[in-house]
Amino acid sequence: QVQLVESGGGLVQAGGSLRLSCSASGSILSINDMVWYRQAPGKERELVAEITSGGWANYAASVKGRFTISRDNAKNTVYLQMTSLKPEDTGTYYCNGNIRGRAGTYDYWGQGTQVTVSS
């Protein structure tokens, strides 16, 4: 069984910063891509940032230059450093990992962490 647990969300004023973490645990053999998504009320879930096992990163245009994704492979953890936050960054942030375990390779999701940016 593999689990992803996010943390670090909260309420912040516009222009502020937050750092999200997502830790994977369980019977993990290796982790491939890890991705942060977000979903605002009434909107579809959208990709925010992704990072490969080798460290190559990709960002949504709306967050490029403000957000930084990174990972610590030894800790099975991915981070999302968010700066210059805007009210439109508000939403539930989800972590997704493509993880190889003893039962095979599957995509796993965390439960989400709420980020609220006030104007």
Protein backbone atom coordinates (compact mmCIF):
# COMPACT_ATOMS: atom_id res chain seq x y z
CA GLN A 1 0.00 0.00 0.00
CA VAL A 2 1.31 3.43 -0.99
CA GLN A 3 0.13 6.71 0.50
CA LEU A 4 0.77 10.34 -0.37
CA VAL A 5 0.28 12.96 2.31
CA GLU A 6 0.36 16.70 1.60
CA SER A 7 1.03 19.42 4.13
CA GLY A 8 1.85 23.11 4.27
CA GLY A 9 -1.35 24.72 3.07
CA GLY A 10 -2.98 27.64 4.82
CA LEU A 11 -4.20 31.21 4.62
CA VAL A 12 -1.81 33.85 3.33
CA GLN A 13 -2.08 37.42 2.08
CA ALA A 14 -1.45 38.28 -1.54
CA GLY A 15 2.26 38.61 -2.17
CA GLY A 16 3.09 36.06 0.50
CA SER A 17 4.68 32.64 0.30
CA LEU A 18 3.89 29.07 1.23
CA ARG A 19 5.78 25.82 0.91
CA LEU A 20 3.81 22.64 0.27
CA SER A 21 5.20 19.18 0.93
CA CYS A 22 4.04 15.79 -0.28
CA SER A 23 5.55 12.65 1.24
CA ALA A 24 5.12 9.16 -0.13
CA SER A 25 5.19 6.14 2.15
CA GLY A 26 4.58 2.42 1.94
CA SER A 27 6.03 -0.34 -0.19
CA ILE A 28 7.85 1.90 -2.66
CA LEU A 29 10.47 0.62 -5.06
CA SER A 30 10.86 3.81 -7.09
CA ILE A 31 9.06 7.04 -7.88
CA ASN A 32 8.83 8.42 -11.39
CA ASP A 33 7.11 11.75 -12.13
CA MET A 34 5.57 13.72 -9.30
CA VAL A 35 3.01 16.39 -10.07
CA TRP A 36 1.17 19.14 -8.24
CA TYR A 37 -2.39 19.90 -9.32
CA ARG A 38 -4.86 22.41 -7.97
CA GLN A 39 -8.59 22.82 -8.11
CA ALA A 40 -10.44 26.04 -7.43
CA PRO A 41 -14.14 26.02 -6.50
CA GLY A 42 -16.26 25.49 -9.58
CA LYS A 43 -13.26 24.86 -11.80
CA GLU A 44 -11.56 21.79 -13.20
CA ARG A 45 -8.39 20.40 -11.69
CA GLU A 46 -5.32 21.83 -13.43
CA LEU A 47 -1.65 20.93 -13.54
CA VAL A 48 0.53 23.36 -11.62
CA ALA A 49 4.00 21.83 -11.83
CA GLU A 50 5.66 18.50 -12.50
CA ILE A 51 9.10 17.04 -11.92
CA THR A 52 10.73 13.90 -13.25
CA SER A 53 12.87 11.53 -11.24
CA GLY A 54 15.90 13.19 -12.79
CA GLY A 55 14.82 16.65 -11.72
CA TRP A 56 13.46 18.10 -14.97
CA ALA A 57 10.61 20.48 -14.09
CA ASN A 58 7.69 21.93 -16.01
CA TYR A 59 5.24 24.63 -14.94
CA ALA A 60 1.88 26.01 -15.87
CA ALA A 61 2.23 29.40 -17.53
CA SER A 62 0.24 31.01 -14.72
CA VAL A 63 2.82 30.06 -12.06
CA LYS A 64 6.09 30.12 -13.99
CA GLY A 65 8.60 32.37 -12.28
CA ARG A 66 6.67 32.32 -8.99
CA PHE A 67 6.51 28.63 -8.05
CA THR A 68 9.37 26.15 -7.78
CA ILE A 69 8.95 22.39 -7.64
CA SER A 70 11.68 20.22 -6.17
CA ARG A 71 12.07 16.74 -4.78
CA ASP A 72 14.16 14.84 -2.28
CA ASN A 73 14.40 11.30 -3.60
CA ALA A 74 15.95 10.02 -0.38
CA LYS A 75 12.88 11.18 1.54
CA ASN A 76 10.32 10.31 -1.19
CA THR A 77 9.10 13.88 -0.91
CA VAL A 78 8.19 16.58 -3.40
CA TYR A 79 7.91 20.26 -2.55
CA LEU A 80 6.20 23.25 -4.06
CA GLN A 81 7.62 26.60 -3.05
CA MET A 82 5.05 29.27 -3.86
CA THR A 83 5.97 32.95 -3.84
CA SER A 84 4.24 36.16 -4.89
CA LEU A 85 0.93 34.45 -4.28
CA LYS A 86 -2.20 35.85 -5.88
CA PRO A 87 -5.87 35.39 -4.95
CA GLU A 88 -6.29 33.32 -8.11
CA ASP A 89 -3.85 30.77 -6.66
CA THR A 90 -6.52 29.85 -4.13
CA GLY A 91 -7.64 26.24 -4.27
CA THR A 92 -7.05 22.73 -3.07
CA TYR A 93 -3.60 21.51 -4.05
CA TYR A 94 -3.16 17.81 -4.77
CA CYS A 95 -0.03 15.76 -5.14
CA ASN A 96 0.15 12.96 -7.68
CA GLY A 97 2.94 10.44 -7.96
CA ASN A 98 3.67 7.70 -10.49
CA ILE A 99 5.05 5.08 -8.13
CA ARG A 100 6.44 1.62 -8.64
CA GLY A 101 5.59 -0.66 -5.77
CA ARG A 102 5.57 -4.38 -5.21
CA ALA A 103 2.15 -4.66 -6.86
CA GLY A 104 3.15 -2.70 -9.96
CA THR A 105 3.35 0.91 -11.15
CA TYR A 106 0.35 3.14 -10.49
CA ASP A 107 -0.63 6.77 -10.08
CA TYR A 108 -1.43 7.75 -6.50
CA TRP A 109 -3.11 10.88 -5.16
CA GLY A 110 -2.88 12.69 -1.88
CA GLN A 111 -5.91 13.97 -0.01
CA GLY A 112 -5.22 17.60 -0.86
CA THR A 113 -4.23 20.67 1.12
CA GLN A 114 -6.11 23.97 1.04
CA VAL A 115 -4.38 27.17 -0.01
CA THR A 116 -6.27 30.44 0.43
CA VAL A 117 -4.79 33.73 -0.73
CA SER A 118 -6.56 36.84 0.50
CA SER A 119 -6.44 40.14 -1.36
